[in-house]
Protein backbone atom coordinates (compact mmCIF):
# COMPACT_ATOMS: atom_id res chain seq x y z
CA MET A 1 117.31 106.28 113.96
CA THR A 2 117.10 110.03 113.85
CA GLN A 3 113.62 112.01 113.34
CA HIS A 4 113.62 111.42 109.63
CA LEU A 5 112.64 114.72 108.54
CA SER A 6 115.23 116.51 110.10
CA ALA A 7 117.47 115.99 107.12
CA ALA A 8 115.09 117.94 105.10
CA PRO A 9 116.09 120.77 103.59
CA PRO A 10 115.15 124.06 105.52
CA ASN A 11 111.67 126.10 105.15
CA VAL A 12 110.23 122.74 103.68
CA PRO A 13 107.33 121.66 105.77
CA ALA A 14 106.40 118.18 106.14
CA LYS A 15 102.44 116.88 105.64
CA ASN A 16 100.82 113.98 106.01
CA LEU A 17 99.57 112.41 102.19
CA VAL A 18 95.98 111.87 102.50
CA LEU A 19 94.67 108.68 100.78
CA LYS A 20 91.21 108.49 99.59
CA GLY A 21 90.01 110.94 102.46
CA HIS A 22 92.00 109.37 105.11
CA GLU A 23 95.43 109.50 106.63
CA ALA A 24 97.64 106.16 106.32
CA ARG A 25 96.82 104.23 109.24
CA HIS A 26 99.56 101.30 109.46
CA PHE A 27 102.42 103.32 108.52
CA LYS A 28 103.43 106.59 109.07
CA LEU A 29 103.32 108.75 105.74
CA GLU A 30 104.98 111.81 104.96
CA VAL A 31 105.58 114.40 102.50
CA ALA A 32 108.58 116.87 102.04
CA ASP A 33 110.35 118.53 99.32
CA ALA A 34 108.49 116.07 96.47
CA THR A 35 109.83 112.88 98.41
CA ALA A 36 107.17 110.42 100.16
CA ILE A 37 108.57 109.05 103.07
CA VAL A 38 106.46 105.50 104.04
CA THR A 39 107.76 104.15 107.69
CA LEU A 40 106.68 100.87 109.02
CA ASN A 41 105.70 102.16 112.28
CA ARG A 42 105.81 99.33 114.88
CA PRO A 43 109.09 99.42 116.26
CA GLU A 44 108.64 97.57 119.37
CA ARG A 45 107.59 94.57 117.36
CA LYS A 46 110.84 95.09 114.44
CA ASN A 47 107.59 96.57 112.13
CA PRO A 48 105.69 93.66 111.08
CA LEU A 49 102.87 93.51 108.42
CA THR A 50 99.58 92.74 109.18
CA PHE A 51 96.83 91.87 106.28
CA GLU A 52 96.00 95.34 106.95
CA SER A 53 99.09 96.76 105.98
CA TYR A 54 100.01 95.00 103.50
CA ALA A 55 96.34 96.16 101.36
CA GLU A 56 97.48 99.85 102.59
CA LEU A 57 100.26 99.73 100.92
CA ARG A 58 99.30 97.88 98.35
CA ASP A 59 97.01 100.94 97.41
CA LEU A 60 99.74 103.60 98.41
CA PHE A 61 102.09 102.60 95.79
CA ARG A 62 98.87 102.36 93.62
CA SER A 63 97.84 105.71 94.22
CA PHE A 64 101.40 107.40 93.61
CA SER A 65 100.74 107.08 89.68
CA ASN A 66 98.43 109.59 90.36
CA ALA A 67 100.68 111.87 92.93
CA ALA A 68 101.94 115.09 90.84
CA ASP A 69 104.22 116.12 93.58
CA VAL A 70 105.67 113.14 94.85
CA LYS A 71 109.03 112.49 92.76
CA ALA A 72 110.96 110.06 94.75
CA VAL A 73 110.04 107.68 97.66
CA ILE A 74 111.69 106.57 100.94
CA ILE A 75 110.90 102.79 102.00
CA THR A 76 112.37 102.48 105.69
CA GLY A 77 111.15 101.31 109.51
CA ALA A 78 110.61 103.29 112.92
CA GLY A 79 113.11 102.65 115.47
CA ASP A 80 116.24 100.26 114.78
CA ASN A 81 114.74 98.10 112.39
CA PHE A 82 113.90 97.99 108.76
CA CYS A 83 110.56 95.22 109.01
CA SER A 84 110.15 91.89 110.76
CA GLY A 85 108.36 90.32 107.75
CA GLY A 86 104.67 88.88 108.54
CA ASP A 87 103.49 89.30 112.04
CA VAL A 88 103.10 85.80 113.51
CA HIS A 89 100.58 86.27 115.67
CA GLU A 90 98.05 88.59 112.93
CA ILE A 91 99.54 86.87 110.23
CA ILE A 92 101.29 83.50 110.13
CA GLY A 93 98.88 82.03 113.12
CA PRO A 94 95.40 82.80 111.40
CA LEU A 95 97.07 81.57 107.92
CA THR A 96 97.70 77.98 109.37
CA LYS A 97 93.43 78.02 109.26
CA LEU A 98 92.81 79.19 106.50
CA ASP A 99 91.69 76.68 103.51
CA LYS A 100 93.85 76.82 100.00
CA ALA A 101 91.31 79.65 98.38
CA GLY A 102 92.11 81.88 101.78
CA LEU A 103 95.75 81.20 101.49
CA LEU A 104 96.17 81.70 97.72
CA ALA A 105 93.69 85.05 98.15
CA PHE A 106 96.27 85.93 100.70
CA THR A 107 99.55 85.38 98.51
CA GLN A 108 98.04 87.16 95.86
CA LEU A 109 97.78 90.40 98.23
CA THR A 110 101.01 90.22 99.24
CA GLY A 111 102.55 89.62 95.75
CA ASP A 112 99.80 92.44 94.36
CA LEU A 113 102.31 94.68 96.67
CA VAL A 114 105.33 94.45 94.86
CA LYS A 115 103.46 94.66 91.60
CA ALA A 116 102.58 98.17 92.85
CA MET A 117 105.64 99.36 93.61
CA ARG A 118 107.41 97.78 90.47
CA ALA A 119 104.38 99.68 88.72
CA CYS A 120 105.32 102.87 90.50
CA PRO A 121 106.76 105.62 88.14
CA GLN A 122 108.70 107.32 91.41
CA PRO A 123 112.24 105.83 92.14
CA ILE A 124 111.89 103.98 95.20
CA VAL A 125 115.04 104.04 98.11
CA ALA A 126 115.24 101.67 101.16
CA ALA A 127 116.75 102.78 103.89
CA ILE A 128 117.64 99.34 106.01
CA ASP A 129 118.86 99.51 109.66
CA GLY A 130 118.55 96.31 111.83
CA VAL A 131 116.41 93.62 110.84
CA CYS A 132 115.10 93.29 107.40
CA VAL A 133 113.65 89.57 107.13
CA GLY A 134 111.13 87.83 105.40
CA ALA A 135 108.53 89.74 103.70
CA GLY A 136 110.53 92.94 105.00
CA ALA A 137 113.39 91.50 102.61
CA ILE A 138 111.31 91.22 99.50
CA LEU A 139 109.77 95.42 100.48
CA ALA A 140 113.75 95.99 100.20
CA LEU A 141 114.20 93.94 97.20
CA ALA A 142 111.61 95.47 95.19
CA SER A 143 113.09 98.76 95.21
CA ASP A 144 114.99 100.46 93.14
CA ILE A 145 118.02 101.30 95.37
CA ARG A 146 119.07 100.05 98.82
CA LEU A 147 120.94 102.28 101.60
CA GLY A 148 121.76 100.27 104.54
CA THR A 149 124.14 99.72 107.73
CA ALA A 150 126.66 97.00 108.69
CA ARG A 151 124.64 96.40 111.18
CA CYS A 152 121.37 95.16 109.14
CA LYS A 153 120.20 91.78 108.80
CA VAL A 154 118.79 90.43 106.07
CA ALA A 155 117.28 87.19 105.19
CA PHE A 156 114.85 85.31 103.12
CA LEU A 157 113.53 83.45 105.91
CA PHE A 158 110.30 81.20 103.89
CA THR A 159 112.21 77.65 104.23
CA ARG A 160 112.98 78.26 107.62
CA VAL A 161 108.94 77.95 107.92
CA GLY A 162 108.63 75.31 105.56
CA LEU A 163 107.45 77.50 101.91
CA ALA A 164 108.99 77.77 99.47
CA GLY A 165 111.94 80.76 98.62
CA CYS A 166 109.51 82.07 95.50
CA ASP A 167 107.57 84.12 97.61
CA MET A 168 106.05 87.43 96.50
CA GLY A 169 108.84 87.87 93.36
CA ALA A 170 111.52 86.57 95.14
CA CYS A 171 112.91 83.97 92.42
CA ALA A 172 112.56 86.79 89.74
CA MET A 173 114.01 89.22 91.31
CA LEU A 174 117.02 87.99 94.16
CA PRO A 175 119.07 86.82 91.20
CA ARG A 176 118.58 89.45 89.09
CA VAL A 177 120.22 91.71 91.69
CA ILE A 178 122.67 89.44 93.32
CA GLY A 179 123.04 86.54 91.08
CA GLN A 180 121.57 82.76 90.24
CA GLY A 181 124.35 81.05 92.33
CA ARG A 182 123.86 83.87 95.30
CA ALA A 183 120.19 84.14 95.49
CA SER A 184 119.91 80.19 95.58
CA GLU A 185 122.13 79.90 98.28
CA LEU A 186 119.82 82.73 100.14
CA LEU A 187 116.87 80.84 98.97
CA PHE A 188 117.41 77.71 100.08
CA THR A 189 118.80 78.19 103.41
CA GLY A 190 117.16 81.42 104.66
CA ARG A 191 120.28 82.23 106.51
CA SER A 192 120.92 85.69 106.98
CA MET A 193 123.30 88.05 105.03
CA LEU A 194 124.68 90.92 106.95
CA GLY A 195 124.83 94.47 105.36
CA GLU A 196 128.89 94.13 104.48
CA GLU A 197 128.53 91.12 102.97
CA ALA A 198 124.86 92.33 101.35
CA GLU A 199 126.95 95.12 99.99
CA ARG A 200 129.70 92.84 98.39
CA TRP A 201 126.93 91.02 96.89
CA GLY A 202 124.83 94.03 95.39
CA PHE A 203 121.79 93.79 97.34
CA LEU A 204 122.98 96.63 98.81
CA ASN A 205 123.90 100.10 96.86
CA ARG A 206 125.82 101.98 99.59
CA LEU A 207 126.66 101.33 103.18
CA CYS A 208 125.94 104.02 105.53
CA THR A 209 126.41 104.14 109.52
CA SER A 210 122.81 103.87 111.60
CA GLU A 211 123.28 107.75 112.18
CA THR A 212 123.87 108.86 108.61
CA LEU A 213 121.33 106.61 106.50
CA MET A 214 117.97 108.48 106.72
CA PRO A 215 120.08 111.61 106.00
CA GLU A 216 121.57 109.69 103.04
CA ALA A 217 118.55 108.58 102.08
CA ILE A 218 116.45 112.05 102.16
CA ALA A 219 120.11 113.24 99.91
CA LEU A 220 119.80 110.57 97.28
CA ALA A 221 116.04 110.61 97.18
CA GLY A 222 116.09 114.74 97.02
CA GLU A 223 118.63 114.33 94.09
CA LEU A 224 116.09 111.79 92.53
CA ALA A 225 113.27 114.44 92.84
CA SER A 226 114.57 117.26 91.72
CA GLY A 227 115.50 115.17 88.38
CA PRO A 228 113.53 114.66 85.01
CA THR A 229 110.29 113.05 86.11
CA PHE A 230 109.30 111.19 82.94
CA ALA A 231 112.37 109.95 81.99
CA HIS A 232 112.88 108.56 85.55
CA ALA A 233 109.68 106.64 84.91
CA MET A 234 110.85 105.56 81.98
CA THR A 235 113.62 104.33 82.96
CA LYS A 236 112.30 101.99 85.70
CA LYS A 237 109.66 101.13 83.48
CA MET A 238 112.19 99.94 81.05
CA LEU A 239 114.22 98.26 83.46
CA HIS A 240 111.32 95.97 84.45
CA GLU A 241 110.13 95.27 81.15
CA GLU A 242 113.32 94.58 79.62
CA TRP A 243 113.79 91.34 81.91
CA ASN A 244 111.40 89.86 79.20
CA MET A 245 113.05 90.99 76.16
CA GLY A 246 115.39 89.72 74.05
CA VAL A 247 118.15 92.94 73.42
CA ASP A 248 117.79 93.52 69.81
CA GLN A 249 113.85 93.77 71.14
CA ALA A 250 114.83 95.53 74.33
CA ILE A 251 116.89 98.31 71.72
CA ASP A 252 114.02 99.12 69.99
CA ALA A 253 111.80 99.35 73.15
CA GLU A 254 114.18 101.64 74.22
CA ALA A 255 114.26 103.75 70.97
CA GLU A 256 110.73 104.14 71.45
CA ALA A 257 111.15 105.28 74.90
CA GLN A 258 113.55 107.73 74.23
CA ALA A 259 112.38 109.38 71.36
CA ALA A 260 108.79 109.83 74.01
CA CYS A 261 111.38 111.51 76.03
CA MET A 262 112.77 113.87 73.72
CA THR A 263 109.47 115.02 73.39
CA THR A 264 109.39 116.74 76.89
CA ASN A 265 109.98 119.87 77.91
CA ASP A 266 112.81 118.58 80.26
CA PHE A 267 114.69 117.58 77.31
CA HIS A 268 114.82 120.92 75.39
CA ARG A 269 115.29 123.00 78.70
CA ALA A 270 118.08 121.03 79.46
CA TYR A 271 119.81 121.10 76.12
CA HIS A 272 119.57 124.93 76.17
CA ALA A 273 120.74 125.06 79.76
CA PHE A 274 123.93 122.51 78.08
CA VAL A 275 124.60 125.10 75.25
CA ASN A 276 124.73 127.79 77.72
CA LYS A 277 126.40 126.23 80.58
CA GLN A 278 124.22 126.23 82.76
CA LYS A 279 122.75 123.82 85.43
CA PRO A 280 119.38 122.42 83.70
CA GLU A 281 116.08 123.32 85.90
CA PHE A 282 113.91 120.04 85.24
CA LYS A 283 109.71 120.42 85.90
CA GLY A 284 108.42 117.00 84.89
CA ASP A 285 106.76 118.45 81.86
C-alpha cells in the first residue's frame, strides 16, 4: 500500500494528533486537511489488536467528539492487510486464564470501542485491503462507509474458535448492512468473504485496487470533511438511533433533527449560494 498522505492535497502538512498530552502509542495517527487517518501499525503480524490498542482506540474515538479540527476519519491497516483481529499471543492466550469477571471486563472493553465509533460524530471511512477478520471485521463493520479491494478477505471467525457470532455488536449491525440471511451464514460458519462478494453483498461500498485504495479513501473523506459538519453528525446519529424506532417515531425524530439543521449558518449560506448559482461553503457552524 502506498504512503497514506501522498494523496493528500498539496501544501497541507500532516501532523500527529496528541491525545491527553501524549502521542498515540498503539497505532499511527495523522491529521491532514481535517481528516484523521488511523492506521493499525503492526504489519509484520497483519495488524492485530491488543488489550492496550483496544483501550487507546476507544479513547481516541471518544475524543473525536471534541476534536473541532477533525471532520472525517479514515481507519486502515499498514502494509498489505487491514486487521487480523485479536492478537493470538497477547489476547487470546491470556483470556484462557481469566475468570468470568475478567472475561466480561474484556468483552465490555471491546464493545465500548464499537460504541465509541458509533457515537463519534464524524463519518468513518474504512479502507480495507488483505486480511480483515475477527475483531478487524467488526472495526470495518462499525465504520460508516467501507472501501475495499478484490483481494481483501473478510471473516467473522468467532465460531471457528468456539465462540458465538454475537461479538461486539455483530448480530445487530451485520444483518442491517447485508441482510439477515447473509449475516447468519457468515456468523454461523465463520467463512471468508472475498472483496467481490463483499461488494456484491453490500458490505463494501466500493471496490478499489490496492494502489488506489488510500487515494480514493482520502478523496472521499475530504469530500465529507468539506461538507456540513453538523448535518453529517446529525445524519450519523439518526442512522444509528432509528434502528430502534418505528416509522412514525422516526419521522418525528427526523423532523426535530432537520429543524435543528435549519438553524445552522451552513444551511443559510447554502441557500444563498444556491440562489446565486454558487458552490456552498460549509464552515461547520
